[in-house]
Amino acid sequence: MKPYNKYIAGLAALFLSFSTQAQSQPEMADLMRKEGKIYVVVAVILIIFIVLAAFLIYLDRKISRVEKESQS
């Protein structure tokens, strides 16, 4: 048996175990959906994303202004 065959077999077993775990439903997601907390999590993530996007737009405009001033 070639030495790299052991590694390939190990990686195949590892990926197979990951795929079987990914198919089961997490209990936490079901619990959060039942209690309505999943909407709070989604709302918080959405707020963070909107604030981050607004900050990046603000920085882009400010940097553009500074570049225009430095070229003049």
C-alpha atoms as a PDB file:
ATOM      1  CA  MET A   1       0.000   0.000   0.000  1.00  0.00           C
ATOM      2  CA  LYS A   2       1.360   3.371  -0.976  1.00  0.00           C
ATOM      3  CA  PRO A   3       1.886   5.874   1.861  1.00  0.00           C
ATOM      4  CA  TYR A   4      -0.542   8.462   0.526  1.00  0.00           C
ATOM      5  CA  ASN A   5      -3.423   5.952   0.363  1.00  0.00           C
ATOM      6  CA  LYS A   6      -3.713   6.093   4.149  1.00  0.00           C
ATOM      7  CA  TYR A   7      -4.138   9.845   4.009  1.00  0.00           C
ATOM      8  CA  ILE A   8      -6.733   9.633   1.259  1.00  0.00           C
ATOM      9  CA  ALA A   9      -8.700   7.035   3.225  1.00  0.00           C
ATOM     10  CA  GLY A  10      -8.517   9.206   6.345  1.00  0.00           C
ATOM     11  CA  LEU A  11      -9.731  12.283   4.494  1.00  0.00           C
ATOM     12  CA  ALA A  12     -12.572  10.321   2.905  1.00  0.00           C
ATOM     13  CA  ALA A  13     -13.686   9.084   6.334  1.00  0.00           C
ATOM     14  CA  LEU A  14     -13.484  12.618   7.713  1.00  0.00           C
ATOM     15  CA  PHE A  15     -15.603  14.120   4.928  1.00  0.00           C
ATOM     16  CA  LEU A  16     -18.098  11.284   5.201  1.00  0.00           C
ATOM     17  CA  SER A  17     -18.563  11.973   8.908  1.00  0.00           C
ATOM     18  CA  PHE A  18     -19.063  15.692   8.200  1.00  0.00           C
ATOM     19  CA  SER A  19     -21.749  14.978   5.634  1.00  0.00           C
ATOM     20  CA  THR A  20     -23.691  12.753   8.031  1.00  0.00           C
ATOM     21  CA  GLN A  21     -23.604  15.435  10.726  1.00  0.00           C
ATOM     22  CA  ALA A  22     -24.750  18.142   8.310  1.00  0.00           C
ATOM     23  CA  GLN A  23     -27.937  16.242   7.490  1.00  0.00           C
ATOM     24  CA  SER A  24     -29.290  16.231  11.041  1.00  0.00           C
ATOM     25  CA  GLN A  25     -31.374  19.198  12.165  1.00  0.00           C
ATOM     26  CA  PRO A  26     -29.833  21.208  15.008  1.00  0.00           C
ATOM     27  CA  GLU A  27     -32.040  21.312  18.077  1.00  0.00           C
ATOM     28  CA  MET A  28     -31.100  24.897  18.860  1.00  0.00           C
ATOM     29  CA  ALA A  29     -32.527  26.181  15.553  1.00  0.00           C
ATOM     30  CA  ASP A  30     -35.824  24.373  16.175  1.00  0.00           C
ATOM     31  CA  LEU A  31     -36.020  25.752  19.704  1.00  0.00           C
ATOM     32  CA  MET A  32     -35.299  29.308  18.548  1.00  0.00           C
ATOM     33  CA  ARG A  33     -37.884  29.007  15.776  1.00  0.00           C
ATOM     34  CA  LYS A  34     -40.529  27.772  18.206  1.00  0.00           C
ATOM     35  CA  GLU A  35     -39.919  30.582  20.650  1.00  0.00           C
ATOM     36  CA  GLY A  36     -39.648  33.260  17.943  1.00  0.00           C
ATOM     37  CA  LYS A  37     -36.103  34.212  18.900  1.00  0.00           C
ATOM     38  CA  ILE A  38     -34.753  33.428  15.435  1.00  0.00           C
ATOM     39  CA  TYR A  39     -36.337  36.646  14.193  1.00  0.00           C
ATOM     40  CA  VAL A  40     -34.444  38.605  16.837  1.00  0.00           C
ATOM     41  CA  VAL A  41     -31.180  37.037  15.706  1.00  0.00           C
ATOM     42  CA  VAL A  42     -31.923  37.814  12.056  1.00  0.00           C
ATOM     43  CA  ALA A  43     -32.894  41.385  12.947  1.00  0.00           C
ATOM     44  CA  VAL A  44     -29.681  41.979  14.910  1.00  0.00           C
ATOM     45  CA  ILE A  45     -27.540  40.586  12.079  1.00  0.00           C
ATOM     46  CA  LEU A  46     -29.435  42.754   9.583  1.00  0.00           C
ATOM     47  CA  ILE A  47     -28.931  45.868  11.704  1.00  0.00           C
ATOM     48  CA  ILE A  48     -25.207  45.159  12.034  1.00  0.00           C
ATOM     49  CA  PHE A  49     -24.927  44.679   8.269  1.00  0.00           C
ATOM     50  CA  ILE A  50     -26.806  47.915   7.502  1.00  0.00           C
ATOM     51  CA  VAL A  51     -24.682  49.932   9.947  1.00  0.00           C
ATOM     52  CA  LEU A  52     -21.483  48.455   8.532  1.00  0.00           C
ATOM     53  CA  ALA A  53     -22.553  49.193   4.952  1.00  0.00           C
ATOM     54  CA  ALA A  54     -23.509  52.775   5.872  1.00  0.00           C
ATOM     55  CA  PHE A  55     -20.157  53.305   7.581  1.00  0.00           C
ATOM     56  CA  LEU A  56     -18.282  52.015   4.526  1.00  0.00           C
ATOM     57  CA  ILE A  57     -20.257  54.330   2.234  1.00  0.00           C
ATOM     58  CA  TYR A  58     -19.506  57.244   4.575  1.00  0.00           C
ATOM     59  CA  LEU A  59     -15.782  56.409   4.550  1.00  0.00           C
ATOM     60  CA  ASP A  60     -15.741  56.074   0.779  1.00  0.00           C
ATOM     61  CA  ARG A  61     -17.295  59.510   0.324  1.00  0.00           C
ATOM     62  CA  LYS A  62     -14.929  61.069   2.832  1.00  0.00           C
ATOM     63  CA  ILE A  63     -11.869  59.501   1.191  1.00  0.00           C
ATOM     64  CA  SER A  64     -13.074  60.652  -2.242  1.00  0.00           C
ATOM     65  CA  ARG A  65     -13.393  64.206  -0.925  1.00  0.00           C
ATOM     66  CA  VAL A  66      -9.879  64.130   0.527  1.00  0.00           C
ATOM     67  CA  GLU A  67      -8.476  62.754  -2.751  1.00  0.00           C
ATOM     68  CA  LYS A  68     -10.146  65.535  -4.740  1.00  0.00           C
ATOM     69  CA  GLU A  69      -8.768  68.165  -2.361  1.00  0.00           C
ATOM     70  CA  SER A  70      -5.253  66.771  -2.546  1.00  0.00           C
ATOM     71  CA  GLN A  71      -5.266  66.730  -6.360  1.00  0.00           C
ATOM     72  CA  SER A  72      -6.293  70.390  -6.623  1.00  0.00           C
END
